[in-house]
Every structure is written in C-alpha cells, then in structure tokens.
Amino acid sequence: MESASLYDRIGGEETLRILTDRFYDHVFAHELISRLFKSDKEEIKEKQRLFLTQFLGGPALYSEVHGHPRLRARHLPHPISEEDAIAWLTCMDRAISALDITDDLKKELFGRFPQSAMFMVNS
C-alpha cells in the first residue's frame, strides 16, 4: 500500500492556499527580503502554490504550467544571501506554525525547506 504524500497529509490544496497567503503576508512585510518580490503578489502566491503542490508530492501543477522548476536558475537574477535564506525560512516557519495541522506534520513540512532555501544562496 502506497503512503499518502505530505501534500495529502497536510490537507492538500486548501492548506497550501492558507500557507501561501500567510507566508507572503510575512514575506511582503519583512524588511530584508520584501525587496526580492517585486512582481504581482497574487501571481507570486499562485506560482508558489503550484510549486509547493508538486514539491510536496501532489500533482505536477507547476511543471504543467511553467515547465521544469529549475529553482536555482530561476532565482539567479536575484541576489540572495544566506541572511535572506534564513529570513525566508523564518517567514515559512511562522506561516507553518499557524496551520491547523499536527505538530509532527508542521515539523515534517518545515523540514522540507532548509536545504532548498540554502541552495538558492548566490551572493
């Protein structure tokens, strides 16, 4: 029997919409990293939701719409420091902490992000 993906275990699309809304509320208010997000907030949130759906084991929505994620390449035009990555992770931690899921799922969900955030560091 195949185990459910993290995407399914956290509540799927509904939970990811809540997460991306809360996360970007923190990001756009953050004095250090808000500068990295200059385009339309709703477009940014939707791309993140599509990516997270795929990243957490749900349908490959991001790839269907935008092609391969190519995370590092897509982020190279933006100077991202280790301090920026830590700020991003802090915003994500705050957003995850507010979700109505178990503490074990919160820990597992957050655990998916540090390696990827640090992989984006390019300056």
PDB file of N, CA and C in Angstrom:
ATOM      1  N   MET A   1       0.830  -1.182   0.000  1.00  0.00           N
ATOM      2  CA  MET A   1       0.000   0.000   0.000  1.00  0.00           C
ATOM      3  C   MET A   1       0.878   1.250   0.000  1.00  0.00           C
ATOM      4  N   GLU A   2       0.573   2.170  -0.869  1.00  0.00           N
ATOM      5  CA  GLU A   2       1.349   3.390  -1.016  1.00  0.00           C
ATOM      6  C   GLU A   2       0.936   4.390   0.068  1.00  0.00           C
ATOM      7  N   SER A   3       1.918   5.021   0.705  1.00  0.00           N
ATOM      8  CA  SER A   3       1.581   6.001   1.744  1.00  0.00           C
ATOM      9  C   SER A   3       1.194   7.324   1.100  1.00  0.00           C
ATOM     10  N   ALA A   4       0.378   8.063   1.818  1.00  0.00           N
ATOM     11  CA  ALA A   4      -0.089   9.357   1.315  1.00  0.00           C
ATOM     12  C   ALA A   4       1.070  10.353   1.278  1.00  0.00           C
ATOM     13  N   SER A   5       1.042  11.220   0.286  1.00  0.00           N
ATOM     14  CA  SER A   5       2.078  12.259   0.161  1.00  0.00           C
ATOM     15  C   SER A   5       1.922  13.275   1.293  1.00  0.00           C
ATOM     16  N   LEU A   6       2.975  14.017   1.525  1.00  0.00           N
ATOM     17  CA  LEU A   6       2.903  15.093   2.512  1.00  0.00           C
ATOM     18  C   LEU A   6       1.837  16.101   2.095  1.00  0.00           C
ATOM     19  N   TYR A   7       1.730  16.353   0.811  1.00  0.00           N
ATOM     20  CA  TYR A   7       0.688  17.230   0.270  1.00  0.00           C
ATOM     21  C   TYR A   7      -0.687  16.786   0.754  1.00  0.00           C
ATOM     22  N   ASP A   8      -0.985  15.508   0.615  1.00  0.00           N
ATOM     23  CA  ASP A   8      -2.291  14.989   1.048  1.00  0.00           C
ATOM     24  C   ASP A   8      -2.430  15.010   2.566  1.00  0.00           C
ATOM     25  N   ARG A   9      -1.372  14.654   3.267  1.00  0.00           N
ATOM     26  CA  ARG A   9      -1.455  14.566   4.732  1.00  0.00           C
ATOM     27  C   ARG A   9      -1.644  15.920   5.406  1.00  0.00           C
ATOM     28  N   ILE A  10      -1.175  17.002   4.775  1.00  0.00           N
ATOM     29  CA  ILE A  10      -1.380  18.319   5.384  1.00  0.00           C
ATOM     30  C   ILE A  10      -2.726  18.936   5.012  1.00  0.00           C
ATOM     31  N   GLY A  11      -3.426  18.339   4.066  1.00  0.00           N
ATOM     32  CA  GLY A  11      -4.730  18.865   3.687  1.00  0.00           C
ATOM     33  C   GLY A  11      -4.834  19.365   2.268  1.00  0.00           C
ATOM     34  N   GLY A  12      -3.827  19.084   1.451  1.00  0.00           N
ATOM     35  CA  GLY A  12      -3.885  19.396   0.037  1.00  0.00           C
ATOM     36  C   GLY A  12      -4.006  20.870  -0.296  1.00  0.00           C
ATOM     37  N   GLU A  13      -4.767  21.138  -1.351  1.00  0.00           N
ATOM     38  CA  GLU A  13      -4.861  22.484  -1.912  1.00  0.00           C
ATOM     39  C   GLU A  13      -5.345  23.520  -0.898  1.00  0.00           C
ATOM     40  N   GLU A  14      -6.328  23.169  -0.105  1.00  0.00           N
ATOM     41  CA  GLU A  14      -6.871  24.136   0.863  1.00  0.00           C
ATOM     42  C   GLU A  14      -5.790  24.611   1.831  1.00  0.00           C
ATOM     43  N   THR A  15      -5.025  23.677   2.374  1.00  0.00           N
ATOM     44  CA  THR A  15      -3.965  24.042   3.313  1.00  0.00           C
ATOM     45  C   THR A  15      -2.867  24.838   2.616  1.00  0.00           C
ATOM     46  N   LEU A  16      -2.518  24.467   1.379  1.00  0.00           N
ATOM     47  CA  LEU A  16      -1.475  25.210   0.666  1.00  0.00           C
ATOM     48  C   LEU A  16      -1.908  26.641   0.354  1.00  0.00           C
ATOM     49  N   ARG A  17      -3.174  26.855   0.083  1.00  0.00           N
ATOM     50  CA  ARG A  17      -3.654  28.232  -0.132  1.00  0.00           C
ATOM     51  C   ARG A  17      -3.508  29.054   1.144  1.00  0.00           C
ATOM     52  N   ILE A  18      -3.854  28.469   2.258  1.00  0.00           N
ATOM     53  CA  ILE A  18      -3.704  29.160   3.551  1.00  0.00           C
ATOM     54  C   ILE A  18      -2.228  29.429   3.814  1.00  0.00           C
ATOM     55  N   LEU A  19      -1.396  28.418   3.598  1.00  0.00           N
ATOM     56  CA  LEU A  19       0.042  28.563   3.829  1.00  0.00           C
ATOM     57  C   LEU A  19       0.633  29.668   2.968  1.00  0.00           C
ATOM     58  N   THR A  20       0.347  29.668   1.672  1.00  0.00           N
ATOM     59  CA  THR A  20       0.947  30.685   0.802  1.00  0.00           C
ATOM     60  C   THR A  20       0.428  32.077   1.141  1.00  0.00           C
ATOM     61  N   ASP A  21      -0.840  32.208   1.499  1.00  0.00           N
ATOM     62  CA  ASP A  21      -1.357  33.513   1.910  1.00  0.00           C
ATOM     63  C   ASP A  21      -0.623  34.023   3.139  1.00  0.00           C
ATOM     64  N   ARG A  22      -0.500  33.201   4.154  1.00  0.00           N
ATOM     65  CA  ARG A  22       0.174  33.612   5.407  1.00  0.00           C
ATOM     66  C   ARG A  22       1.657  33.865   5.165  1.00  0.00           C
ATOM     67  N   PHE A  23       2.281  32.971   4.412  1.00  0.00           N
ATOM     68  CA  PHE A  23       3.709  33.109   4.141  1.00  0.00           C
ATOM     69  C   PHE A  23       4.010  34.438   3.460  1.00  0.00           C
ATOM     70  N   TYR A  24       3.262  34.768   2.418  1.00  0.00           N
ATOM     71  CA  TYR A  24       3.558  36.008   1.700  1.00  0.00           C
ATOM     72  C   TYR A  24       3.137  37.251   2.467  1.00  0.00           C
ATOM     73  N   ASP A  25       2.199  37.143   3.384  1.00  0.00           N
ATOM     74  CA  ASP A  25       1.936  38.265   4.287  1.00  0.00           C
ATOM     75  C   ASP A  25       3.204  38.573   5.079  1.00  0.00           C
ATOM     76  N   HIS A  26       3.875  37.530   5.560  1.00  0.00           N
ATOM     77  CA  HIS A  26       5.133  37.713   6.301  1.00  0.00           C
ATOM     78  C   HIS A  26       6.247  38.224   5.391  1.00  0.00           C
ATOM     79  N   VAL A  27       6.371  37.632   4.216  1.00  0.00           N
ATOM     80  CA  VAL A  27       7.443  38.000   3.281  1.00  0.00           C
ATOM     81  C   VAL A  27       7.332  39.461   2.853  1.00  0.00           C
ATOM     82  N   PHE A  28       6.142  39.883   2.436  1.00  0.00           N
ATOM     83  CA  PHE A  28       5.985  41.250   1.941  1.00  0.00           C
ATOM     84  C   PHE A  28       6.133  42.285   3.050  1.00  0.00           C
ATOM     85  N   ALA A  29       6.002  41.867   4.298  1.00  0.00           N
ATOM     86  CA  ALA A  29       6.200  42.774   5.424  1.00  0.00           C
ATOM     87  C   ALA A  29       7.635  42.733   5.965  1.00  0.00           C
ATOM     88  N   HIS A  30       8.431  41.792   5.498  1.00  0.00           N
ATOM     89  CA  HIS A  30       9.786  41.612   6.029  1.00  0.00           C
ATOM     90  C   HIS A  30      10.726  42.647   5.421  1.00  0.00           C
ATOM     91  N   GLU A  31      11.393  43.392   6.264  1.00  0.00           N
ATOM     92  CA  GLU A  31      12.241  44.495   5.768  1.00  0.00           C
ATOM     93  C   GLU A  31      13.442  44.025   4.966  1.00  0.00           C
ATOM     94  N   LEU A  32      13.916  42.818   5.202  1.00  0.00           N
ATOM     95  CA  LEU A  32      15.090  42.336   4.472  1.00  0.00           C
ATOM     96  C   LEU A  32      14.734  41.717   3.119  1.00  0.00           C
ATOM     97  N   ILE A  33      13.737  40.863   3.078  1.00  0.00           N
ATOM     98  CA  ILE A  33      13.504  40.093   1.848  1.00  0.00           C
ATOM     99  C   ILE A  33      12.345  40.582   0.988  1.00  0.00           C
ATOM    100  N   SER A  34      11.579  41.520   1.445  1.00  0.00           N
ATOM    101  CA  SER A  34      10.468  42.007   0.605  1.00  0.00           C
ATOM    102  C   SER A  34      10.988  42.550  -0.729  1.00  0.00           C
ATOM    103  N   ARG A  35      12.215  43.034  -0.754  1.00  0.00           N
ATOM    104  CA  ARG A  35      12.812  43.580  -1.979  1.00  0.00           C
ATOM    105  C   ARG A  35      12.954  42.538  -3.079  1.00  0.00           C
ATOM    106  N   LEU A  36      12.981  41.263  -2.707  1.00  0.00           N
ATOM    107  CA  LEU A  36      13.160  40.187  -3.674  1.00  0.00           C
ATOM    108  C   LEU A  36      11.876  39.854  -4.427  1.00  0.00           C
ATOM    109  N   PHE A  37      10.759  40.386  -3.968  1.00  0.00           N
ATOM    110  CA  PHE A  37       9.455  40.024  -4.529  1.00  0.00           C
ATOM    111  C   PHE A  37       8.800  41.277  -5.087  1.00  0.00           C
ATOM    112  N   LYS A  38       9.120  41.590  -6.343  1.00  0.00           N
ATOM    113  CA  LYS A  38       8.717  42.862  -6.940  1.00  0.00           C
ATOM    114  C   LYS A  38       7.510  42.760  -7.863  1.00  0.00           C
ATOM    115  N   SER A  39       7.166  41.562  -8.302  1.00  0.00           N
ATOM    116  CA  SER A  39       6.041  41.451  -9.226  1.00  0.00           C
ATOM    117  C   SER A  39       4.729  41.304  -8.449  1.00  0.00           C
ATOM    118  N   ASP A  40       3.674  41.043  -9.160  1.00  0.00           N
ATOM    119  CA  ASP A  40       2.345  40.956  -8.592  1.00  0.00           C
ATOM    120  C   ASP A  40       2.260  39.899  -7.489  1.00  0.00           C
ATOM    121  N   LYS A  41       1.786  40.290  -6.323  1.00  0.00           N
ATOM    122  CA  LYS A  41       1.713  39.395  -5.167  1.00  0.00           C
ATOM    123  C   LYS A  41       0.856  38.165  -5.466  1.00  0.00           C
ATOM    124  N   GLU A  42      -0.270  38.351  -6.117  1.00  0.00           N
ATOM    125  CA  GLU A  42      -1.156  37.217  -6.403  1.00  0.00           C
ATOM    126  C   GLU A  42      -0.494  36.230  -7.369  1.00  0.00           C
ATOM    127  N   GLU A  43       0.238  36.743  -8.348  1.00  0.00           N
ATOM    128  CA  GLU A  43       0.958  35.878  -9.284  1.00  0.00           C
ATOM    129  C   GLU A  43       2.052  35.092  -8.559  1.00  0.00           C
ATOM    130  N   ILE A  44       2.777  35.760  -7.681  1.00  0.00           N
ATOM    131  CA  ILE A  44       3.830  35.101  -6.905  1.00  0.00           C
ATOM    132  C   ILE A  44       3.232  34.001  -6.034  1.00  0.00           C
ATOM    133  N   LYS A  45       2.138  34.300  -5.357  1.00  0.00           N
ATOM    134  CA  LYS A  45       1.490  33.308  -4.495  1.00  0.00           C
ATOM    135  C   LYS A  45       1.013  32.099  -5.301  1.00  0.00           C
ATOM    136  N   GLU A  46       0.451  32.345  -6.469  1.00  0.00           N
ATOM    137  CA  GLU A  46      -0.048  31.239  -7.285  1.00  0.00           C
ATOM    138  C   GLU A  46       1.093  30.362  -7.776  1.00  0.00           C
ATOM    139  N   LYS A  47       2.196  30.964  -8.210  1.00  0.00           N
ATOM    140  CA  LYS A  47       3.352  30.161  -8.631  1.00  0.00           C
ATOM    141  C   LYS A  47       3.879  29.327  -7.469  1.00  0.00           C
ATOM    142  N   GLN A  48       3.948  29.931  -6.292  1.00  0.00           N
ATOM    143  CA  GLN A  48       4.429  29.202  -5.115  1.00  0.00           C
ATOM    144  C   GLN A  48       3.486  28.055  -4.771  1.00  0.00           C
ATOM    145  N   ARG A  49       2.176  28.283  -4.850  1.00  0.00           N
ATOM    146  CA  ARG A  49       1.210  27.227  -4.554  1.00  0.00           C
ATOM    147  C   ARG A  49       1.364  26.068  -5.542  1.00  0.00           C
ATOM    148  N   LEU A  50       1.519  26.391  -6.827  1.00  0.00           N
ATOM    149  CA  LEU A  50       1.717  25.343  -7.828  1.00  0.00           C
ATOM    150  C   LEU A  50       3.005  24.568  -7.553  1.00  0.00           C
ATOM    151  N   PHE A  51       4.074  25.304  -7.236  1.00  0.00           N
ATOM    152  CA  PHE A  51       5.345  24.651  -6.945  1.00  0.00           C
ATOM    153  C   PHE A  51       5.237  23.767  -5.709  1.00  0.00           C
ATOM    154  N   LEU A  52       4.671  24.299  -4.630  1.00  0.00           N
ATOM    155  CA  LEU A  52       4.580  23.526  -3.388  1.00  0.00           C
ATOM    156  C   LEU A  52       3.713  22.284  -3.557  1.00  0.00           C
ATOM    157  N   THR A  53       2.679  22.381  -4.365  1.00  0.00           N
ATOM    158  CA  THR A  53       1.848  21.209  -4.635  1.00  0.00           C
ATOM    159  C   THR A  53       2.725  20.080  -5.172  1.00  0.00           C
ATOM    160  N   GLN A  54       3.533  20.399  -6.151  1.00  0.00           N
ATOM    161  CA  GLN A  54       4.433  19.423  -6.770  1.00  0.00           C
ATOM    162  C   GLN A  54       5.538  19.008  -5.807  1.00  0.00           C
ATOM    163  N   PHE A  55       6.143  19.959  -5.129  1.00  0.00           N
ATOM    164  CA  PHE A  55       7.271  19.738  -4.218  1.00  0.00           C
ATOM    165  C   PHE A  55       6.889  18.807  -3.068  1.00  0.00           C
ATOM    166  N   LEU A  56       5.626  18.868  -2.662  1.00  0.00           N
ATOM    167  CA  LEU A  56       5.176  18.078  -1.515  1.00  0.00           C
ATOM    168  C   LEU A  56       4.485  16.770  -1.925  1.00  0.00           C
ATOM    169  N   GLY A  57       4.568  16.426  -3.196  1.00  0.00           N
ATOM    170  CA  GLY A  57       4.078  15.138  -3.641  1.00  0.00           C
ATOM    171  C   GLY A  57       2.693  15.123  -4.243  1.00  0.00           C
ATOM    172  N   GLY A  58       2.129  16.298  -4.482  1.00  0.00           N
ATOM    173  CA  GLY A  58       0.838  16.386  -5.148  1.00  0.00           C
ATOM    174  C   GLY A  58       1.018  16.398  -6.650  1.00  0.00           C
ATOM    175  N   PRO A  59      -0.031  16.761  -7.372  1.00  0.00           N
ATOM    176  CA  PRO A  59       0.056  16.811  -8.834  1.00  0.00           C
ATOM    177  C   PRO A  59       1.170  17.760  -9.306  1.00  0.00           C
ATOM    178  N   ALA A  60       1.745  17.470 -10.456  1.00  0.00           N
ATOM    179  CA  ALA A  60       2.856  18.251 -11.021  1.00  0.00           C
ATOM    180  C   ALA A  60       2.333  19.531 -11.686  1.00  0.00           C
ATOM    181  N   LEU A  61       1.610  20.336 -10.936  1.00  0.00           N
ATOM    182  CA  LEU A  61       0.957  21.529 -11.491  1.00  0.00           C
ATOM    183  C   LEU A  61       1.949  22.565 -11.988  1.00  0.00           C
ATOM    184  N   TYR A  62       3.024  22.787 -11.241  1.00  0.00           N
ATOM    185  CA  TYR A  62       3.998  23.796 -11.658  1.00  0.00           C
ATOM    186  C   TYR A  62       4.594  23.428 -13.012  1.00  0.00           C
ATOM    187  N   SER A  63       5.019  22.182 -13.155  1.00  0.00           N
ATOM    188  CA  SER A  63       5.633  21.745 -14.411  1.00  0.00           C
ATOM    189  C   SER A  63       4.648  21.809 -15.569  1.00  0.00           C
ATOM    190  N   GLU A  64       3.379  21.504 -15.309  1.00  0.00           N
ATOM    191  CA  GLU A  64       2.367  21.570 -16.362  1.00  0.00           C
ATOM    192  C   GLU A  64       2.202  22.992 -16.905  1.00  0.00           C
ATOM    193  N   VAL A  65       2.311  23.976 -16.021  1.00  0.00           N
ATOM    194  CA  VAL A  65       2.089  25.373 -16.411  1.00  0.00           C
ATOM    195  C   VAL A  65       3.376  26.077 -16.823  1.00  0.00           C
ATOM    196  N   HIS A  66       4.465  25.856 -16.076  1.00  0.00           N
ATOM    197  CA  HIS A  66       5.698  26.644 -16.259  1.00  0.00           C
ATOM    198  C   HIS A  66       6.903  25.828 -16.714  1.00  0.00           C
ATOM    199  N   GLY A  67       6.753  24.540 -16.874  1.00  0.00           N
ATOM    200  CA  GLY A  67       7.891  23.704 -17.221  1.00  0.00           C
ATOM    201  C   GLY A  67       8.665  23.289 -15.975  1.00  0.00           C
ATOM    202  N   HIS A  68       9.813  22.687 -16.180  1.00  0.00           N
ATOM    203  CA  HIS A  68      10.638  22.223 -15.064  1.00  0.00           C
ATOM    204  C   HIS A  68      10.915  23.383 -14.107  1.00  0.00           C
ATOM    205  N   PRO A  69      10.845  23.138 -12.793  1.00  0.00           N
ATOM    206  CA  PRO A  69      11.051  24.236 -11.836  1.00  0.00           C
ATOM    207  C   PRO A  69      12.395  24.964 -11.956  1.00  0.00           C
ATOM    208  N   ARG A  70      13.478  24.256 -12.272  1.00  0.00           N
ATOM    209  CA  ARG A  70      14.801  24.900 -12.402  1.00  0.00           C
ATOM    210  C   ARG A  70      14.998  25.971 -11.323  1.00  0.00           C
ATOM    211  N   LEU A  71      14.837  25.577 -10.077  1.00  0.00           N
ATOM    212  CA  LEU A  71      14.835  26.533  -8.965  1.00  0.00           C
ATOM    213  C   LEU A  71      16.025  27.480  -8.957  1.00  0.00           C
ATOM    214  N   ARG A  72      17.192  26.922  -8.978  1.00  0.00           N
ATOM    215  CA  ARG A  72      18.384  27.788  -8.877  1.00  0.00           C
ATOM    216  C   ARG A  72      18.463  28.740 -10.067  1.00  0.00           C
ATOM    217  N   ALA A  73      18.247  28.237 -11.259  1.00  0.00           N
ATOM    218  CA  ALA A  73      18.325  29.080 -12.457  1.00  0.00           C
ATOM    219  C   ALA A  73      17.289  30.197 -12.418  1.00  0.00           C
ATOM    220  N   ARG A  74      16.086  29.899 -11.965  1.00  0.00           N
ATOM    221  CA  ARG A  74      15.036  30.929 -11.906  1.00  0.00           C
ATOM    222  C   ARG A  74      15.335  31.993 -10.858  1.00  0.00           C
ATOM    223  N   HIS A  75      16.122  31.637  -9.857  1.00  0.00           N
ATOM    224  CA  HIS A  75      16.427  32.585  -8.784  1.00  0.00           C
ATOM    225  C   HIS A  75      17.749  33.323  -8.986  1.00  0.00           C
ATOM    226  N   LEU A  76      18.564  32.901  -9.949  1.00  0.00           N
ATOM    227  CA  LEU A  76      19.870  33.532 -10.164  1.00  0.00           C
ATOM    228  C   LEU A  76      19.818  35.039 -10.434  1.00  0.00           C
ATOM    229  N   PRO A  77      18.806  35.561 -11.114  1.00  0.00           N
ATOM    230  CA  PRO A  77      18.786  37.012 -11.346  1.00  0.00           C
ATOM    231  C   PRO A  77      18.647  37.845 -10.064  1.00  0.00           C
ATOM    232  N   HIS A  78      18.302  37.186  -8.967  1.00  0.00           N
ATOM    233  CA  HIS A  78      18.081  37.899  -7.707  1.00  0.00           C
ATOM    234  C   HIS A  78      19.232  37.589  -6.749  1.00  0.00           C
ATOM    235  N   PRO A  79      19.930  38.609  -6.259  1.00  0.00           N
ATOM    236  CA  PRO A  79      20.990  38.338  -5.282  1.00  0.00           C
ATOM    237  C   PRO A  79      20.374  37.854  -3.973  1.00  0.00           C
ATOM    238  N   ILE A  80      20.711  36.625  -3.596  1.00  0.00           N
ATOM    239  CA  ILE A  80      20.156  36.003  -2.394  1.00  0.00           C
ATOM    240  C   ILE A  80      21.315  35.609  -1.486  1.00  0.00           C
ATOM    241  N   SER A  81      21.334  36.190  -0.304  1.00  0.00           N
ATOM    242  CA  SER A  81      22.380  35.901   0.676  1.00  0.00           C
ATOM    243  C   SER A  81      21.888  34.822   1.650  1.00  0.00           C
ATOM    244  N   GLU A  82      22.814  34.312   2.433  1.00  0.00           N
ATOM    245  CA  GLU A  82      22.433  33.355   3.471  1.00  0.00           C
ATOM    246  C   GLU A  82      21.454  34.010   4.445  1.00  0.00           C
ATOM    247  N   GLU A  83      21.662  35.271   4.750  1.00  0.00           N
ATOM    248  CA  GLU A  83      20.750  36.010   5.632  1.00  0.00           C
ATOM    249  C   GLU A  83      19.343  36.078   5.018  1.00  0.00           C
ATOM    250  N   ASP A  84      19.265  36.264   3.707  1.00  0.00           N
ATOM    251  CA  ASP A  84      17.973  36.263   3.014  1.00  0.00           C
ATOM    252  C   ASP A  84      17.297  34.895   3.146  1.00  0.00           C
ATOM    253  N   ALA A  85      18.063  33.835   2.947  1.00  0.00           N
ATOM    254  CA  ALA A  85      17.509  32.480   3.040  1.00  0.00           C
ATOM    255  C   ALA A  85      16.978  32.213   4.447  1.00  0.00           C
ATOM    256  N   ILE A  86      17.706  32.649   5.446  1.00  0.00           N
ATOM    257  CA  ILE A  86      17.263  32.468   6.835  1.00  0.00           C
ATOM    258  C   ILE A  86      15.987  33.272   7.088  1.00  0.00           C
ATOM    259  N   ALA A  87      15.916  34.479   6.561  1.00  0.00           N
ATOM    260  CA  ALA A  87      14.697  35.293   6.710  1.00  0.00           C
ATOM    261  C   ALA A  87      13.521  34.607   6.021  1.00  0.00           C
ATOM    262  N   TRP A  88      13.753  34.064   4.824  1.00  0.00           N
ATOM    263  CA  TRP A  88      12.711  33.334   4.103  1.00  0.00           C
ATOM    264  C   TRP A  88      12.221  32.160   4.943  1.00  0.00           C
ATOM    265  N   LEU A  89      13.164  31.405   5.514  1.00  0.00           N
ATOM    266  CA  LEU A  89      12.810  30.258   6.352  1.00  0.00           C
ATOM    267  C   LEU A  89      12.037  30.693   7.598  1.00  0.00           C
ATOM    268  N   THR A  90      12.393  31.828   8.162  1.00  0.00           N
ATOM    269  CA  THR A  90      11.670  32.345   9.325  1.00  0.00           C
ATOM    270  C   THR A  90      10.221  32.652   8.954  1.00  0.00           C
ATOM    271  N   CYS A  91      10.017  33.263   7.802  1.00  0.00           N
ATOM    272  CA  CYS A  91       8.657  33.549   7.333  1.00  0.00           C
ATOM    273  C   CYS A  91       7.880  32.256   7.107  1.00  0.00           C
ATOM    274  N   MET A  92       8.527  31.265   6.521  1.00  0.00           N
ATOM    275  CA  MET A  92       7.858  29.990   6.273  1.00  0.00           C
ATOM    276  C   MET A  92       7.531  29.301   7.598  1.00  0.00           C
ATOM    277  N   ASP A  93       8.445  29.334   8.540  1.00  0.00           N
ATOM    278  CA  ASP A  93       8.207  28.725   9.849  1.00  0.00           C
ATOM    279  C   ASP A  93       6.997  29.369  10.529  1.00  0.00           C
ATOM    280  N   ARG A  94       6.909  30.682  10.470  1.00  0.00           N
ATOM    281  CA  ARG A  94       5.762  31.380  11.068  1.00  0.00           C
ATOM    282  C   ARG A  94       4.456  30.989  10.392  1.00  0.00           C
ATOM    283  N   ALA A  95       4.479  30.885   9.086  1.00  0.00           N
ATOM    284  CA  ALA A  95       3.268  30.508   8.350  1.00  0.00           C
ATOM    285  C   ALA A  95       2.867  29.065   8.670  1.00  0.00           C
ATOM    286  N   ILE A  96       3.832  28.172   8.725  1.00  0.00           N
ATOM    287  CA  ILE A  96       3.537  26.770   9.044  1.00  0.00           C
ATOM    288  C   ILE A  96       3.024  26.648  10.468  1.00  0.00           C
ATOM    289  N   SER A  97       3.619  27.379  11.383  1.00  0.00           N
ATOM    290  CA  SER A  97       3.218  27.305  12.788  1.00  0.00           C
ATOM    291  C   SER A  97       1.749  27.636  12.998  1.00  0.00           C
ATOM    292  N   ALA A  98       1.196  28.481  12.141  1.00  0.00           N
ATOM    293  CA  ALA A  98      -0.195  28.904  12.276  1.00  0.00           C
ATOM    294  C   ALA A  98      -1.188  27.940  11.629  1.00  0.00           C
ATOM    295  N   LEU A  99      -0.692  26.925  10.908  1.00  0.00           N
ATOM    296  CA  LEU A  99      -1.593  25.982  10.249  1.00  0.00           C
ATOM    297  C   LEU A  99      -2.288  25.073  11.261  1.00  0.00           C
ATOM    298  N   ASP A 100      -3.466  24.635  10.919  1.00  0.00           N
ATOM    299  CA  ASP A 100      -4.235  23.727  11.767  1.00  0.00           C
ATOM    300  C   ASP A 100      -3.926  22.281  11.376  1.00  0.00           C
ATOM    301  N   ILE A 101      -2.672  21.902  11.636  1.00  0.00           N
ATOM    302  CA  ILE A 101      -2.215  20.529  11.416  1.00  0.00           C
ATOM    303  C   ILE A 101      -1.412  20.126  12.644  1.00  0.00           C
ATOM    304  N   THR A 102      -1.114  18.848  12.774  1.00  0.00           N
ATOM    305  CA  THR A 102      -0.398  18.378  13.953  1.00  0.00           C
ATOM    306  C   THR A 102       1.015  18.956  14.004  1.00  0.00           C
ATOM    307  N   ASP A 103       1.571  18.969  15.204  1.00  0.00           N
ATOM    308  CA  ASP A 103       2.945  19.445  15.361  1.00  0.00           C
ATOM    309  C   ASP A 103       3.927  18.574  14.577  1.00  0.00           C
ATOM    310  N   ASP A 104       3.667  17.270  14.515  1.00  0.00           N
ATOM    311  CA  ASP A 104       4.544  16.382  13.745  1.00  0.00           C
ATOM    312  C   ASP A 104       4.524  16.746  12.262  1.00  0.00           C
ATOM    313  N   LEU A 105       3.337  17.043  11.731  1.00  0.00           N
ATOM    314  CA  LEU A 105       3.251  17.454  10.328  1.00  0.00           C
ATOM    315  C   LEU A 105       3.903  18.807  10.110  1.00  0.00           C
ATOM    316  N   LYS A 106       3.759  19.715  11.055  1.00  0.00           N
ATOM    317  CA  LYS A 106       4.426  21.023  10.944  1.00  0.00           C
ATOM    318  C   LYS A 106       5.931  20.835  10.866  1.00  0.00           C
ATOM    319  N   LYS A 107       6.459  19.980  11.720  1.00  0.00           N
ATOM    320  CA  LYS A 107       7.903  19.728  11.738  1.00  0.00           C
ATOM    321  C   LYS A 107       8.353  19.085  10.425  1.00  0.00           C
ATOM    322  N   GLU A 108       7.601  18.102   9.952  1.00  0.00           N
ATOM    323  CA  GLU A 108       7.945  17.439   8.698  1.00  0.00           C
ATOM    324  C   GLU A 108       7.868  18.411   7.516  1.00  0.00           C
ATOM    325  N   LEU A 109       6.825  19.227   7.504  1.00  0.00           N
ATOM    326  CA  LEU A 109       6.655  20.207   6.425  1.00  0.00           C
ATOM    327  C   LEU A 109       7.802  21.211   6.431  1.00  0.00           C
ATOM    328  N   PHE A 110       8.104  21.797   7.570  1.00  0.00           N
ATOM    329  CA  PHE A 110       9.196  22.761   7.623  1.00  0.00           C
ATOM    330  C   PHE A 110      10.520  22.109   7.215  1.00  0.00           C
ATOM    331  N   GLY A 111      10.703  20.858   7.590  1.00  0.00           N
ATOM    332  CA  GLY A 111      11.944  20.147   7.275  1.00  0.00           C
ATOM    333  C   GLY A 111      12.223  20.012   5.786  1.00  0.00           C
ATOM    334  N   ARG A 112      11.222  20.219   4.968  1.00  0.00           N
ATOM    335  CA  ARG A 112      11.402  20.142   3.516  1.00  0.00           C
ATOM    336  C   ARG A 112      12.080  21.388   2.940  1.00  0.00           C
ATOM    337  N   PHE A 113      12.178  22.480   3.697  1.00  0.00           N
ATOM    338  CA  PHE A 113      12.603  23.755   3.129  1.00  0.00           C
ATOM    339  C   PHE A 113      14.049  24.187   3.358  1.00  0.00           C
ATOM    340  N   PRO A 114      14.700  23.892   4.479  1.00  0.00           N
ATOM    341  CA  PRO A 114      16.040  24.462   4.678  1.00  0.00           C
ATOM    342  C   PRO A 114      17.048  24.166   3.581  1.00  0.00           C
ATOM    343  N   GLN A 115      17.122  22.940   3.115  1.00  0.00           N
ATOM    344  CA  GLN A 115      18.110  22.610   2.074  1.00  0.00           C
ATOM    345  C   GLN A 115      17.825  23.390   0.799  1.00  0.00           C
ATOM    346  N   SER A 116      16.564  23.481   0.398  1.00  0.00           N
ATOM    347  CA  SER A 116      16.234  24.229  -0.815  1.00  0.00           C
ATOM    348  C   SER A 116      16.507  25.715  -0.653  1.00  0.00           C
ATOM    349  N   ALA A 117      16.183  26.269   0.507  1.00  0.00           N
ATOM    350  CA  ALA A 117      16.429  27.698   0.741  1.00  0.00           C
ATOM    351  C   ALA A 117      17.918  28.004   0.656  1.00  0.00           C
ATOM    352  N   MET A 118      18.740  27.162   1.244  1.00  0.00           N
ATOM    353  CA  MET A 118      20.177  27.414   1.207  1.00  0.00           C
ATOM    354  C   MET A 118      20.764  27.180  -0.187  1.00  0.00           C
ATOM    355  N   PHE A 119      20.121  26.333  -0.971  1.00  0.00           N
ATOM    356  CA  PHE A 119      20.555  26.097  -2.358  1.00  0.00           C
ATOM    357  C   PHE A 119      20.371  27.330  -3.218  1.00  0.00           C
ATOM    358  N   MET A 120      19.456  28.234  -2.814  1.00  0.00           N
ATOM    359  CA  MET A 120      19.190  29.448  -3.581  1.00  0.00           C
ATOM    360  C   MET A 120      20.220  30.542  -3.316  1.00  0.00           C
ATOM    361  N   VAL A 121      21.015  30.402  -2.260  1.00  0.00           N
ATOM    362  CA  VAL A 121      22.003  31.423  -1.927  1.00  0.00           C
ATOM    363  C   VAL A 121      22.994  31.554  -3.081  1.00  0.00           C
ATOM    364  N   ASN A 122      23.176  32.796  -3.549  1.00  0.00           N
ATOM    365  CA  ASN A 122      24.060  33.038  -4.705  1.00  0.00           C
ATOM    366  C   ASN A 122      24.894  34.305  -4.557  1.00  0.00           C
ATOM    367  N   SER A 123      24.888  34.877  -3.382  1.00  0.00           N
ATOM    368  CA  SER A 123      25.716  36.074  -3.181  1.00  0.00           C
ATOM    369  C   SER A 123      26.222  36.168  -1.759  1.00  0.00           C
TER     370      SER A 123
END
